[in-house]
Amino acid sequence: MQYKNFSQILEAVKSLPKLRISVANAQDEKVLAALKIAMQEDFVEPVLVGTRSEIERKAWQVGFDLKDIDIWEADALGAPEVAVKLVRCDFCQVLMKGLVNSSTFLKAVLNGEWGLRTGKTLSHLGVYEIHGFDRLIFLTDGGLNIAPDLETKKQICQNAIDFAHSLGITLPKVAVLSANEQVNPKMPVTLEAQQIAQMAQRGEISGALVDGPLALDIAINKEAAEHKGIKSPVAGQADILLVPNIEAGNLLGKSITYFAGGLMAGVVLGAGAPIVLPSRADTPQGKLLSLALACLAKHGMDNKDKLQRRQIIW
């Protein structure tokens, strides 16, 4: 199914079994407000990790009744470790950052002994609902990898494709973005975009139609592509926008939300479970949408694993 908006995401995840969400340093008002709504929508069971007194105080401020809520006491430094271990042992299925520095949180995620490493590169995926579009738009990586080299971009691309598969998009279209469509040695980004497209043609990147370099207008607007005479299975139809660096992704993502009024949800990919890594500026609604997206993806990942196991058995 190709989801057109976040309302469809929410409806879909509400029809599935609830998942436990491990929240590191849960004493955050906006995070607790989002969890309160998610519980009302009945698709999560929060497991709150942090200082109990602070969690209770913040929960009271947002009207979140903690009766029957599982709280694991841990100090500020120890909470990320506890939260990660709860996912590592599968007591919880999704990990969420609360009131903790992102670098501290990710250090726990990447711990070699008890973290959630898979051997893949961690990358951030933003998902946007934009007025006038008949589908959700995926944008990566505007949040984690600062200046990814070619191999890292390849992994970022594959992470986004695998995530799209977990949402039921069988053959997502990936546009590798640049300032224009011409390969120019003076613009290294265009060379890398061409190489990524060639990797997909050779099967080094799988499960998607990948093309680049493509300018943004060509990637998302059929009329612009036709006007420029660009013939591509991706042009005008891109689901996933692979940006050249974190600045491009950050600026494009914030332009969508602040200039175009788009809704955004985000997840971190490449770990052993979906990770919700909200920004301090995110609203409770944004955090709620990210939670719904992560939960739906987790269900999709589990279904894919079950299918693969059946195929191996048969």
Protein backbone atom coordinates (compact mmCIF):
# COMPACT_ATOMS: atom_id res chain seq x y z
CA MET A 1 0.00 0.00 0.00
CA GLN A 2 1.22 3.49 -0.88
CA TYR A 3 0.33 5.70 2.08
CA LYS A 4 -0.89 9.14 1.04
CA ASN A 5 -0.87 10.83 4.44
CA PHE A 6 -0.25 10.35 8.14
CA SER A 7 -3.93 9.76 8.88
CA GLN A 8 -3.63 6.50 6.95
CA ILE A 9 -0.45 5.64 8.90
CA LEU A 10 -2.26 6.19 12.19
CA GLU A 11 -5.28 4.17 11.12
CA ALA A 12 -3.06 1.31 9.97
CA VAL A 13 -0.97 1.13 13.15
CA LYS A 14 -4.08 1.28 15.37
CA SER A 15 -5.33 -1.91 13.76
CA LEU A 16 -2.16 -3.81 14.76
CA PRO A 17 -1.01 -5.22 18.12
CA LYS A 18 0.45 -2.66 20.51
CA LEU A 19 4.22 -2.38 20.75
CA ARG A 20 6.32 -1.53 23.81
CA ILE A 21 8.26 1.73 23.47
CA SER A 22 11.44 2.08 25.51
CA VAL A 23 11.92 5.78 26.30
CA ALA A 24 15.37 6.90 27.46
CA ASN A 25 15.28 9.78 29.96
CA ALA A 26 11.52 10.01 29.73
CA GLN A 27 11.23 13.17 31.86
CA ASP A 28 10.34 15.32 28.83
CA GLU A 29 6.98 17.10 28.61
CA LYS A 30 6.55 16.89 24.82
CA VAL A 31 7.58 13.24 24.71
CA LEU A 32 5.15 12.37 27.50
CA ALA A 33 2.39 14.37 25.80
CA ALA A 34 2.97 12.40 22.59
CA LEU A 35 2.96 9.10 24.48
CA LYS A 36 -0.27 10.08 26.19
CA ILE A 37 -1.96 10.57 22.79
CA ALA A 38 -0.41 7.38 21.42
CA MET A 39 -1.86 5.46 24.36
CA GLN A 40 -5.25 7.00 23.71
CA GLU A 41 -4.92 5.87 20.09
CA ASP A 42 -4.08 2.45 21.56
CA PHE A 43 -0.98 1.46 19.60
CA VAL A 44 1.79 1.71 22.22
CA GLU A 45 2.71 0.54 25.71
CA PRO A 46 5.30 3.01 27.07
CA VAL A 47 8.16 1.81 29.23
CA LEU A 48 9.63 4.93 30.82
CA VAL A 49 13.28 4.98 31.87
CA GLY A 50 14.70 7.78 34.01
CA THR A 51 14.29 9.53 37.34
CA ARG A 52 10.87 8.52 38.63
CA SER A 53 10.19 11.74 40.53
CA GLU A 54 10.99 13.86 37.47
CA ILE A 55 8.93 11.65 35.18
CA GLU A 56 5.96 11.88 37.54
CA ARG A 57 6.31 15.67 37.80
CA LYS A 58 6.44 16.17 34.04
CA ALA A 59 3.60 13.71 33.47
CA TRP A 60 1.41 15.62 35.92
CA GLN A 61 2.11 18.84 33.99
CA VAL A 62 0.72 17.34 30.76
CA GLY A 63 -2.13 15.42 32.40
CA PHE A 64 -0.63 11.99 31.74
CA ASP A 65 -1.92 9.43 34.25
CA LEU A 66 0.95 7.03 34.96
CA LYS A 67 -1.22 4.39 36.59
CA ASP A 68 -0.16 0.96 35.29
CA ILE A 69 2.74 2.52 33.33
CA ASP A 70 6.03 0.64 33.61
CA ILE A 71 8.78 2.93 34.99
CA TRP A 72 12.42 1.85 35.28
CA GLU A 73 14.41 3.98 37.69
CA ALA A 74 17.78 5.16 36.33
CA ASP A 75 19.87 8.29 36.63
CA ALA A 76 20.47 10.61 33.68
CA LEU A 77 23.67 8.88 32.60
CA GLY A 78 22.43 5.33 33.05
CA ALA A 79 18.99 5.71 31.47
CA PRO A 80 20.12 5.39 27.81
CA GLU A 81 21.88 2.11 28.58
CA VAL A 82 18.83 0.68 30.34
CA ALA A 83 16.50 1.83 27.56
CA VAL A 84 18.69 0.29 24.85
CA LYS A 85 19.04 -3.00 26.73
CA LEU A 86 15.24 -3.25 27.03
CA VAL A 87 15.10 -3.24 23.22
CA ARG A 88 18.13 -5.45 22.82
CA CYS A 89 16.47 -8.21 24.86
CA ASP A 90 13.17 -7.66 22.97
CA PHE A 91 11.24 -6.60 26.05
CA CYS A 92 10.52 -3.48 24.00
CA GLN A 93 10.32 -3.22 20.22
CA VAL A 94 10.94 0.49 19.52
CA LEU A 95 13.43 2.90 21.09
CA MET A 96 12.72 6.60 21.71
CA LYS A 97 14.92 9.46 22.90
CA GLY A 98 13.67 11.66 25.72
CA LEU A 99 15.52 14.41 27.59
CA VAL A 100 19.06 13.37 26.70
CA ASN A 101 21.74 14.67 24.37
CA SER A 102 21.60 12.93 21.00
CA SER A 103 25.30 12.01 21.04
CA THR A 104 24.95 10.38 24.47
CA PHE A 105 21.84 8.52 23.32
CA LEU A 106 23.45 7.28 20.09
CA LYS A 107 26.59 6.23 21.93
CA ALA A 108 24.41 3.82 23.89
CA VAL A 109 22.72 2.61 20.70
CA LEU A 110 26.11 1.87 19.13
CA ASN A 111 27.66 0.17 22.16
CA GLY A 112 29.49 -2.89 20.88
CA GLU A 113 28.58 -5.12 23.83
CA TRP A 114 24.88 -4.47 24.49
CA GLY A 115 23.81 -1.90 21.88
CA LEU A 116 21.75 -2.24 18.71
CA ARG A 117 24.50 -2.43 16.10
CA THR A 118 23.72 -4.42 12.97
CA GLY A 119 26.76 -3.58 10.87
CA LYS A 120 24.75 -1.05 8.90
CA THR A 121 25.28 2.71 8.86
CA LEU A 122 22.80 4.62 11.03
CA SER A 123 20.87 7.18 9.02
CA HIS A 124 17.97 9.55 9.55
CA LEU A 125 14.86 9.40 7.42
CA GLY A 126 12.36 12.24 7.37
CA VAL A 127 8.86 11.47 6.09
CA TYR A 128 6.72 14.38 4.91
CA GLU A 129 3.06 14.94 4.20
CA ILE A 130 2.93 17.85 1.77
CA HIS A 131 -0.19 19.60 0.49
CA GLY A 132 -0.83 18.78 -3.16
CA PHE A 133 1.08 15.48 -3.19
CA ASP A 134 -0.66 12.13 -3.56
CA ARG A 135 1.95 10.31 -1.49
CA LEU A 136 4.27 10.70 1.46
CA ILE A 137 7.76 11.92 0.53
CA PHE A 138 10.86 10.37 2.15
CA LEU A 139 14.00 12.46 2.65
CA THR A 140 17.41 11.17 3.72
CA ASP A 141 19.82 11.98 5.33
CA GLY A 142 19.24 15.40 6.83
CA GLY A 143 19.89 14.48 10.44
CA LEU A 144 22.86 12.21 11.14
CA ASN A 145 25.56 11.80 8.49
CA ILE A 146 27.26 15.13 7.91
CA ALA A 147 29.23 14.62 4.69
CA PRO A 148 28.73 10.98 3.67
CA ASP A 149 31.15 9.43 1.18
CA LEU A 150 29.94 7.27 -1.70
CA GLU A 151 29.84 4.02 0.28
CA THR A 152 27.94 5.67 3.11
CA LYS A 153 25.43 7.17 0.67
CA LYS A 154 24.91 3.72 -0.77
CA GLN A 155 24.03 2.41 2.70
CA ILE A 156 21.82 5.42 3.47
CA CYS A 157 19.96 4.75 0.23
CA GLN A 158 19.49 1.05 1.03
CA ASN A 159 18.27 1.89 4.56
CA ALA A 160 15.55 4.12 3.11
CA ILE A 161 14.55 1.51 0.54
CA ASP A 162 14.28 -1.21 3.19
CA PHE A 163 12.18 1.10 5.33
CA ALA A 164 9.84 1.81 2.41
CA HIS A 165 9.48 -1.95 1.94
CA SER A 166 8.49 -2.29 5.61
CA LEU A 167 5.63 0.12 4.91
CA GLY A 168 4.45 -1.99 1.99
CA ILE A 169 5.96 0.05 -0.86
CA THR A 170 7.27 -2.78 -3.03
CA LEU A 171 9.32 -0.79 -5.54
CA PRO A 172 10.06 2.73 -4.28
CA LYS A 173 11.50 5.31 -6.66
CA VAL A 174 14.69 7.00 -5.46
CA ALA A 175 15.94 10.33 -6.82
CA VAL A 176 19.60 11.08 -6.07
CA LEU A 177 19.46 14.86 -5.85
CA SER A 178 21.82 17.44 -7.28
CA ALA A 179 21.55 20.99 -8.61
CA ASN A 180 20.90 19.68 -12.13
CA GLU A 181 20.79 16.55 -14.26
CA GLN A 182 24.11 17.00 -16.05
CA VAL A 183 27.12 15.01 -14.86
CA ASN A 184 29.84 17.59 -14.37
CA PRO A 185 33.35 16.85 -13.02
CA LYS A 186 33.33 20.30 -11.43
CA MET A 187 30.33 19.19 -9.33
CA PRO A 188 31.42 16.03 -7.48
CA VAL A 189 27.86 15.50 -6.24
CA THR A 190 26.72 14.79 -9.81
CA LEU A 191 29.42 12.16 -10.24
CA GLU A 192 28.42 10.42 -7.02
CA ALA A 193 24.75 10.54 -7.99
CA GLN A 194 25.56 8.87 -11.29
CA GLN A 195 27.61 6.21 -9.48
CA ILE A 196 24.78 5.47 -7.05
CA ALA A 197 22.36 5.00 -9.96
CA GLN A 198 24.88 2.66 -11.59
CA MET A 199 25.20 0.69 -8.35
CA ALA A 200 21.44 0.09 -8.45
CA GLN A 201 21.65 -1.06 -12.07
CA ARG A 202 24.32 -3.59 -11.04
CA GLY A 203 22.24 -4.82 -8.11
CA GLU A 204 24.51 -3.38 -5.42
CA ILE A 205 21.50 -1.38 -4.26
CA SER A 206 18.36 -3.50 -4.42
CA GLY A 207 14.60 -3.23 -4.25
CA ALA A 208 14.07 0.15 -5.90
CA LEU A 209 14.26 2.21 -9.06
CA VAL A 210 17.17 4.61 -8.56
CA ASP A 211 18.16 7.48 -10.83
CA GLY A 212 20.46 10.47 -10.61
CA PRO A 213 21.65 13.07 -10.75
CA LEU A 214 18.23 14.72 -10.71
CA ALA A 215 17.29 18.25 -9.71
CA LEU A 216 14.49 18.54 -7.16
CA ASP A 217 11.91 19.85 -9.64
CA ILE A 218 12.63 16.97 -12.03
CA ALA A 219 12.36 14.44 -9.21
CA ILE A 220 8.94 15.46 -7.99
CA ASN A 221 7.19 17.27 -10.87
CA LYS A 222 6.20 15.45 -14.07
CA GLU A 223 5.60 18.67 -15.99
CA ALA A 224 9.10 19.93 -15.20
CA ALA A 225 10.59 16.62 -16.32
CA GLU A 226 8.60 16.66 -19.57
CA HIS A 227 9.50 20.30 -20.23
CA LYS A 228 13.20 19.48 -19.92
CA GLY A 229 12.86 16.30 -21.94
CA ILE A 230 14.04 14.08 -19.07
CA LYS A 231 13.06 10.44 -19.57
CA SER A 232 13.39 8.44 -16.38
CA PRO A 233 11.23 5.97 -14.41
CA VAL A 234 11.87 8.16 -11.36
CA ALA A 235 11.40 11.66 -12.79
CA GLY A 236 8.27 13.31 -11.44
CA GLN A 237 7.44 10.26 -9.32
CA ALA A 238 10.15 10.05 -6.65
CA ASP A 239 9.21 8.54 -3.30
CA ILE A 240 12.67 8.88 -1.73
CA LEU A 241 14.91 11.95 -2.07
CA LEU A 242 18.57 11.13 -1.36
CA VAL A 243 20.33 14.42 -0.57
CA PRO A 244 24.07 15.04 -1.03
CA ASN A 245 24.82 16.17 2.54
CA ILE A 246 23.28 17.07 5.87
CA GLU A 247 22.98 20.78 5.03
CA ALA A 248 20.90 20.06 1.94
CA GLY A 249 18.67 17.64 3.83
CA ASN A 250 18.26 19.92 6.82
CA LEU A 251 17.41 22.96 4.71
CA LEU A 252 15.03 21.09 2.41
CA GLY A 253 13.25 19.39 5.30
CA LYS A 254 12.77 22.60 7.27
CA SER A 255 11.64 24.41 4.12
CA ILE A 256 8.90 21.82 3.71
CA THR A 257 7.65 22.28 7.26
CA TYR A 258 8.10 26.03 7.72
CA PHE A 259 7.43 27.37 4.20
CA ALA A 260 5.03 24.76 2.83
CA GLY A 261 3.29 23.82 6.08
CA GLY A 262 4.15 20.15 5.67
CA LEU A 263 3.90 17.59 8.45
CA MET A 264 7.05 15.67 9.32
CA ALA A 265 7.89 12.45 11.12
CA GLY A 266 11.35 11.01 11.49
CA VAL A 267 13.08 7.75 12.37
CA VAL A 268 16.66 6.53 12.64
CA LEU A 269 17.41 3.48 10.53
CA GLY A 270 20.15 0.88 10.45
CA ALA A 271 19.89 -0.29 14.06
CA GLY A 272 18.32 -3.47 15.39
CA ALA A 273 14.99 -1.69 15.86
CA PRO A 274 13.37 1.55 14.68
CA ILE A 275 14.54 4.55 16.69
CA VAL A 276 12.56 7.73 17.30
CA LEU A 277 15.05 10.58 17.68
CA PRO A 278 12.90 13.71 18.05
CA SER A 279 14.26 17.21 17.96
CA ARG A 280 13.63 19.52 20.89
CA ALA A 281 11.70 21.73 18.46
CA ASP A 282 9.33 18.92 17.45
CA THR A 283 5.74 19.30 18.60
CA PRO A 284 3.92 16.49 20.46
CA GLN A 285 2.08 15.87 17.18
CA GLY A 286 5.37 15.42 15.33
CA LYS A 287 6.59 13.00 17.98
CA LEU A 288 3.28 11.11 17.79
CA LEU A 289 3.59 10.73 14.02
CA SER A 290 7.18 9.53 14.37
CA LEU A 291 6.05 6.94 16.90
CA ALA A 292 3.28 5.72 14.60
CA LEU A 293 5.69 5.48 11.69
CA ALA A 294 8.28 3.57 13.73
CA CYS A 295 5.67 1.13 15.03
CA LEU A 296 4.20 0.48 11.59
CA ALA A 297 7.70 -0.10 10.21
CA LYS A 298 8.50 -2.53 13.05
CA HIS A 299 5.41 -4.57 12.24
CA GLY A 300 6.47 -4.61 8.59
CA MET A 301 10.01 -5.71 9.51
CA ASP A 302 8.66 -8.55 11.66
CA ASN A 303 6.30 -9.71 8.90
CA LYS A 304 9.18 -9.73 6.41
CA ASP A 305 11.32 -11.80 8.81
CA LYS A 306 8.50 -14.30 9.28
CA LEU A 307 8.04 -14.63 5.52
CA GLN A 308 11.76 -15.20 5.00
CA ARG A 309 11.82 -17.87 7.71
CA ARG A 310 8.89 -19.67 6.04
CA GLN A 311 10.69 -19.58 2.70
CA ILE A 312 13.81 -21.09 4.28
CA ILE A 313 11.73 -23.85 5.93
CA TRP A 314 9.93 -24.71 2.69
